[in-house]
PDB file of N, CA and C in Angstrom:
ATOM      1  N   MET A   1      31.740 -22.303   3.482  1.00  0.00           N
ATOM      2  CA  MET A   1      30.747 -21.710   2.668  1.00  0.00           C
ATOM      3  C   MET A   1      29.716 -21.023   3.558  1.00  0.00           C
ATOM      4  N   SER A   2      29.308 -21.736   4.467  1.00  0.00           N
ATOM      5  CA  SER A   2      28.164 -21.356   5.542  1.00  0.00           C
ATOM      6  C   SER A   2      28.770 -20.255   6.351  1.00  0.00           C
ATOM      7  N   ASP A   3      30.239 -20.115   6.462  1.00  0.00           N
ATOM      8  CA  ASP A   3      30.856 -19.082   7.363  1.00  0.00           C
ATOM      9  C   ASP A   3      30.570 -17.718   6.333  1.00  0.00           C
ATOM     10  N   GLU A   4      30.758 -17.987   5.063  1.00  0.00           N
ATOM     11  CA  GLU A   4      30.625 -16.654   4.315  1.00  0.00           C
ATOM     12  C   GLU A   4      29.206 -16.196   4.246  1.00  0.00           C
ATOM     13  N   GLN A   5      28.239 -17.164   4.253  1.00  0.00           N
ATOM     14  CA  GLN A   5      26.986 -16.692   4.397  1.00  0.00           C
ATOM     15  C   GLN A   5      26.530 -16.065   5.714  1.00  0.00           C
ATOM     16  N   SER A   6      27.098 -16.538   6.661  1.00  0.00           N
ATOM     17  CA  SER A   6      26.778 -15.986   8.083  1.00  0.00           C
ATOM     18  C   SER A   6      27.465 -14.502   8.197  1.00  0.00           C
ATOM     19  N   LYS A   7      28.537 -14.466   7.570  1.00  0.00           N
ATOM     20  CA  LYS A   7      29.323 -13.060   7.456  1.00  0.00           C
ATOM     21  C   LYS A   7      28.362 -12.103   6.649  1.00  0.00           C
ATOM     22  N   VAL A   8      27.739 -12.397   5.550  1.00  0.00           N
ATOM     23  CA  VAL A   8      27.020 -11.536   4.695  1.00  0.00           C
ATOM     24  C   VAL A   8      25.762 -11.354   5.309  1.00  0.00           C
ATOM     25  N   GLN A   9      25.053 -12.262   6.078  1.00  0.00           N
ATOM     26  CA  GLN A   9      23.784 -11.964   6.841  1.00  0.00           C
ATOM     27  C   GLN A   9      23.927 -10.989   8.092  1.00  0.00           C
ATOM     28  N   GLU A  10      25.146 -11.009   8.640  1.00  0.00           N
ATOM     29  CA  GLU A  10      25.398 -10.139   9.790  1.00  0.00           C
ATOM     30  C   GLU A  10      25.436  -8.645   9.249  1.00  0.00           C
ATOM     31  N   HIS A  11      25.930  -8.498   7.877  1.00  0.00           N
ATOM     32  CA  HIS A  11      26.101  -6.987   7.407  1.00  0.00           C
ATOM     33  C   HIS A  11      24.962  -6.571   6.703  1.00  0.00           C
ATOM     34  N   GLU A  12      23.892  -7.400   6.533  1.00  0.00           N
ATOM     35  CA  GLU A  12      22.532  -6.974   5.846  1.00  0.00           C
ATOM     36  C   GLU A  12      21.911  -6.021   6.716  1.00  0.00           C
ATOM     37  N   PRO A  13      21.569  -4.898   6.041  1.00  0.00           N
ATOM     38  CA  PRO A  13      20.716  -3.888   6.787  1.00  0.00           C
ATOM     39  C   PRO A  13      19.301  -4.298   7.297  1.00  0.00           C
ATOM     40  N   LYS A  14      19.084  -3.928   8.535  1.00  0.00           N
ATOM     41  CA  LYS A  14      17.805  -4.297   8.997  1.00  0.00           C
ATOM     42  C   LYS A  14      16.827  -3.223   9.074  1.00  0.00           C
ATOM     43  N   GLY A  15      15.528  -3.533   8.844  1.00  0.00           N
ATOM     44  CA  GLY A  15      14.402  -2.602   8.833  1.00  0.00           C
ATOM     45  C   GLY A  15      14.170  -1.999  10.252  1.00  0.00           C
ATOM     46  N   VAL A  16      13.762  -0.890  10.168  1.00  0.00           N
ATOM     47  CA  VAL A  16      13.360  -0.145  11.481  1.00  0.00           C
ATOM     48  C   VAL A  16      11.828   0.049  11.630  1.00  0.00           C
ATOM     49  N   VAL A  17      11.252  -0.538  12.739  1.00  0.00           N
ATOM     50  CA  VAL A  17       9.929  -0.359  12.939  1.00  0.00           C
ATOM     51  C   VAL A  17       9.768   0.827  13.872  1.00  0.00           C
ATOM     52  N   ASP A  18       9.199   1.911  13.249  1.00  0.00           N
ATOM     53  CA  ASP A  18       8.827   3.035  14.043  1.00  0.00           C
ATOM     54  C   ASP A  18       7.503   3.300  13.870  1.00  0.00           C
ATOM     55  N   LEU A  19       7.000   4.403  14.629  1.00  0.00           N
ATOM     56  CA  LEU A  19       5.547   4.847  14.587  1.00  0.00           C
ATOM     57  C   LEU A  19       5.006   5.163  13.255  1.00  0.00           C
ATOM     58  N   ALA A  20       5.838   5.878  12.475  1.00  0.00           N
ATOM     59  CA  ALA A  20       5.230   6.238  11.074  1.00  0.00           C
ATOM     60  C   ALA A  20       4.922   5.035  10.128  1.00  0.00           C
ATOM     61  N   SER A  21       5.960   3.986  10.314  1.00  0.00           N
ATOM     62  CA  SER A  21       5.638   2.952   9.471  1.00  0.00           C
ATOM     63  C   SER A  21       4.707   2.059   9.844  1.00  0.00           C
ATOM     64  N   VAL A  22       4.353   1.951  11.139  1.00  0.00           N
ATOM     65  CA  VAL A  22       3.205   1.210  11.782  1.00  0.00           C
ATOM     66  C   VAL A  22       1.972   1.800  11.353  1.00  0.00           C
ATOM     67  N   LEU A  23       1.876   3.252  11.300  1.00  0.00           N
ATOM     68  CA  LEU A  23       0.770   3.995  10.921  1.00  0.00           C
ATOM     69  C   LEU A  23       0.234   3.791   9.503  1.00  0.00           C
ATOM     70  N   TYR A  24       1.405   3.751   8.768  1.00  0.00           N
ATOM     71  CA  TYR A  24       1.150   3.660   7.303  1.00  0.00           C
ATOM     72  C   TYR A  24       0.630   2.455   7.006  1.00  0.00           C
ATOM     73  N   VAL A  25       1.078   1.455   7.537  1.00  0.00           N
ATOM     74  CA  VAL A  25       0.464   0.049   7.301  1.00  0.00           C
ATOM     75  C   VAL A  25      -1.019  -0.065   7.853  1.00  0.00           C
ATOM     76  N   VAL A  26      -1.156   0.385   9.225  1.00  0.00           N
ATOM     77  CA  VAL A  26      -2.494   0.114   9.755  1.00  0.00           C
ATOM     78  C   VAL A  26      -3.454   1.238   9.188  1.00  0.00           C
ATOM     79  N   CYS A  27      -3.156   2.385   8.975  1.00  0.00           N
ATOM     80  CA  CYS A  27      -4.108   3.355   8.531  1.00  0.00           C
ATOM     81  C   CYS A  27      -3.966   3.628   7.059  1.00  0.00           C
ATOM     82  N   GLY A  28      -2.900   3.924   6.523  1.00  0.00           N
ATOM     83  CA  GLY A  28      -2.537   4.333   5.199  1.00  0.00           C
ATOM     84  C   GLY A  28      -3.088   3.521   4.069  1.00  0.00           C
ATOM     85  N   ILE A  29      -2.744   2.126   4.156  1.00  0.00           N
ATOM     86  CA  ILE A  29      -3.048   1.230   3.039  1.00  0.00           C
ATOM     87  C   ILE A  29      -4.502   0.990   3.188  1.00  0.00           C
ATOM     88  N   PRO A  30      -5.283   0.820   4.137  1.00  0.00           N
ATOM     89  CA  PRO A  30      -6.849   0.892   4.201  1.00  0.00           C
ATOM     90  C   PRO A  30      -7.418   2.012   3.587  1.00  0.00           C
ATOM     91  N   ALA A  31      -6.808   3.012   4.000  1.00  0.00           N
ATOM     92  CA  ALA A  31      -7.413   4.381   3.500  1.00  0.00           C
ATOM     93  C   ALA A  31      -7.272   4.714   2.001  1.00  0.00           C
ATOM     94  N   MET A  32      -6.099   4.042   1.385  1.00  0.00           N
ATOM     95  CA  MET A  32      -6.004   4.188  -0.083  1.00  0.00           C
ATOM     96  C   MET A  32      -6.935   3.265  -0.672  1.00  0.00           C
ATOM     97  N   ILE A  33      -7.093   1.935  -0.182  1.00  0.00           N
ATOM     98  CA  ILE A  33      -8.122   1.064  -0.800  1.00  0.00           C
ATOM     99  C   ILE A  33      -9.525   1.543  -0.724  1.00  0.00           C
ATOM    100  N   LEU A  34     -10.016   2.233   0.507  1.00  0.00           N
ATOM    101  CA  LEU A  34     -11.126   2.827   0.670  1.00  0.00           C
ATOM    102  C   LEU A  34     -11.452   3.775  -0.425  1.00  0.00           C
ATOM    103  N   PHE A  35     -10.364   4.673  -0.575  1.00  0.00           N
ATOM    104  CA  PHE A  35     -10.499   5.819  -1.500  1.00  0.00           C
ATOM    105  C   PHE A  35     -10.831   5.325  -3.020  1.00  0.00           C
ATOM    106  N   PHE A  36      -9.969   4.353  -3.383  1.00  0.00           N
ATOM    107  CA  PHE A  36     -10.225   3.823  -4.808  1.00  0.00           C
ATOM    108  C   PHE A  36     -11.467   3.154  -4.903  1.00  0.00           C
ATOM    109  N   VAL A  37     -11.979   2.471  -3.884  1.00  0.00           N
ATOM    110  CA  VAL A  37     -13.274   1.726  -3.991  1.00  0.00           C
ATOM    111  C   VAL A  37     -14.313   2.656  -4.026  1.00  0.00           C
ATOM    112  N   VAL A  38     -14.386   3.845  -3.454  1.00  0.00           N
ATOM    113  CA  VAL A  38     -15.226   5.001  -3.439  1.00  0.00           C
ATOM    114  C   VAL A  38     -15.073   5.607  -4.701  1.00  0.00           C
ATOM    115  N   LEU A  39     -14.067   5.912  -5.287  1.00  0.00           N
ATOM    116  CA  LEU A  39     -13.785   6.599  -6.382  1.00  0.00           C
ATOM    117  C   LEU A  39     -14.332   5.797  -7.655  1.00  0.00           C
ATOM    118  N   PHE A  40     -13.980   4.523  -7.752  1.00  0.00           N
ATOM    119  CA  PHE A  40     -14.525   3.771  -8.948  1.00  0.00           C
ATOM    120  C   PHE A  40     -15.991   3.533  -8.659  1.00  0.00           C
ATOM    121  N   GLY A  41     -16.498   3.483  -7.492  1.00  0.00           N
ATOM    122  CA  GLY A  41     -17.905   3.282  -7.237  1.00  0.00           C
ATOM    123  C   GLY A  41     -18.695   4.377  -7.838  1.00  0.00           C
ATOM    124  N   LEU A  42     -18.199   5.617  -7.466  1.00  0.00           N
ATOM    125  CA  LEU A  42     -18.758   6.885  -7.974  1.00  0.00           C
ATOM    126  C   LEU A  42     -18.858   6.861  -9.449  1.00  0.00           C
ATOM    127  N   VAL A  43     -17.639   6.699 -10.084  1.00  0.00           N
ATOM    128  CA  VAL A  43     -17.577   6.617 -11.465  1.00  0.00           C
ATOM    129  C   VAL A  43     -18.520   5.675 -12.231  1.00  0.00           C
ATOM    130  N   GLY A  44     -18.500   4.565 -11.597  1.00  0.00           N
ATOM    131  CA  GLY A  44     -19.647   3.453 -12.081  1.00  0.00           C
ATOM    132  C   GLY A  44     -21.089   3.944 -11.963  1.00  0.00           C
ATOM    133  N   ILE A  45     -21.331   4.617 -10.775  1.00  0.00           N
ATOM    134  CA  ILE A  45     -22.626   5.075 -10.586  1.00  0.00           C
ATOM    135  C   ILE A  45     -22.985   6.254 -11.639  1.00  0.00           C
ATOM    136  N   CYS A  46     -21.996   7.243 -11.889  1.00  0.00           N
ATOM    137  CA  CYS A  46     -22.250   8.239 -12.718  1.00  0.00           C
ATOM    138  C   CYS A  46     -22.369   7.856 -14.133  1.00  0.00           C
ATOM    139  N   ASP A  47     -21.526   6.821 -14.591  1.00  0.00           N
ATOM    140  CA  ASP A  47     -21.540   6.364 -15.820  1.00  0.00           C
ATOM    141  C   ASP A  47     -22.830   5.507 -16.006  1.00  0.00           C
ATOM    142  N   GLY A  48     -23.347   4.761 -15.007  1.00  0.00           N
ATOM    143  CA  GLY A  48     -24.567   4.151 -15.200  1.00  0.00           C
ATOM    144  C   GLY A  48     -25.820   4.905 -15.345  1.00  0.00           C
ATOM    145  N   GLY A  49     -25.687   6.262 -14.932  1.00  0.00           N
ATOM    146  CA  GLY A  49     -26.650   7.265 -15.050  1.00  0.00           C
ATOM    147  C   GLY A  49     -26.688   7.743 -16.474  1.00  0.00           C
ATOM    148  N   GLY A  50     -25.813   7.503 -17.383  1.00  0.00           N
ATOM    149  CA  GLY A  50     -25.749   7.987 -18.722  1.00  0.00           C
ATOM    150  C   GLY A  50     -24.990   9.332 -18.812  1.00  0.00           C
ATOM    151  N   THR A  51     -24.157   9.636 -17.727  1.00  0.00           N
ATOM    152  CA  THR A  51     -23.543  10.813 -17.933  1.00  0.00           C
ATOM    153  C   THR A  51     -22.235  10.746 -18.637  1.00  0.00           C
ATOM    154  N   HIS A  52     -21.623   9.493 -18.778  1.00  0.00           N
ATOM    155  CA  HIS A  52     -20.405   9.169 -19.486  1.00  0.00           C
ATOM    156  C   HIS A  52     -19.236   9.910 -18.873  1.00  0.00           C
ATOM    157  N   PHE A  53     -19.092   9.734 -17.603  1.00  0.00           N
ATOM    158  CA  PHE A  53     -18.142  10.671 -16.825  1.00  0.00           C
ATOM    159  C   PHE A  53     -16.576   9.912 -17.100  1.00  0.00           C
ATOM    160  N   PRO A  54     -15.794  10.649 -17.724  1.00  0.00           N
ATOM    161  CA  PRO A  54     -14.497  10.069 -18.095  1.00  0.00           C
ATOM    162  C   PRO A  54     -13.600   9.603 -16.829  1.00  0.00           C
ATOM    163  N   ALA A  55     -13.065   8.542 -16.808  1.00  0.00           N
ATOM    164  CA  ALA A  55     -12.262   8.280 -15.675  1.00  0.00           C
ATOM    165  C   ALA A  55     -10.857   7.812 -16.111  1.00  0.00           C
TER     166      ALA A  55
END
């Protein structure tokens, strides 16, 4: 049974670490988080001012 499992593990596709994937994780994800924090912060500020800005 362990021989079958080792054969299956040998044929599993491996991930590739290239520059694009590293830059996406290091720069892209924090940039998206910052964008949404700023977006919802601005919506909250505008709504707090009584403009009732739909989001």
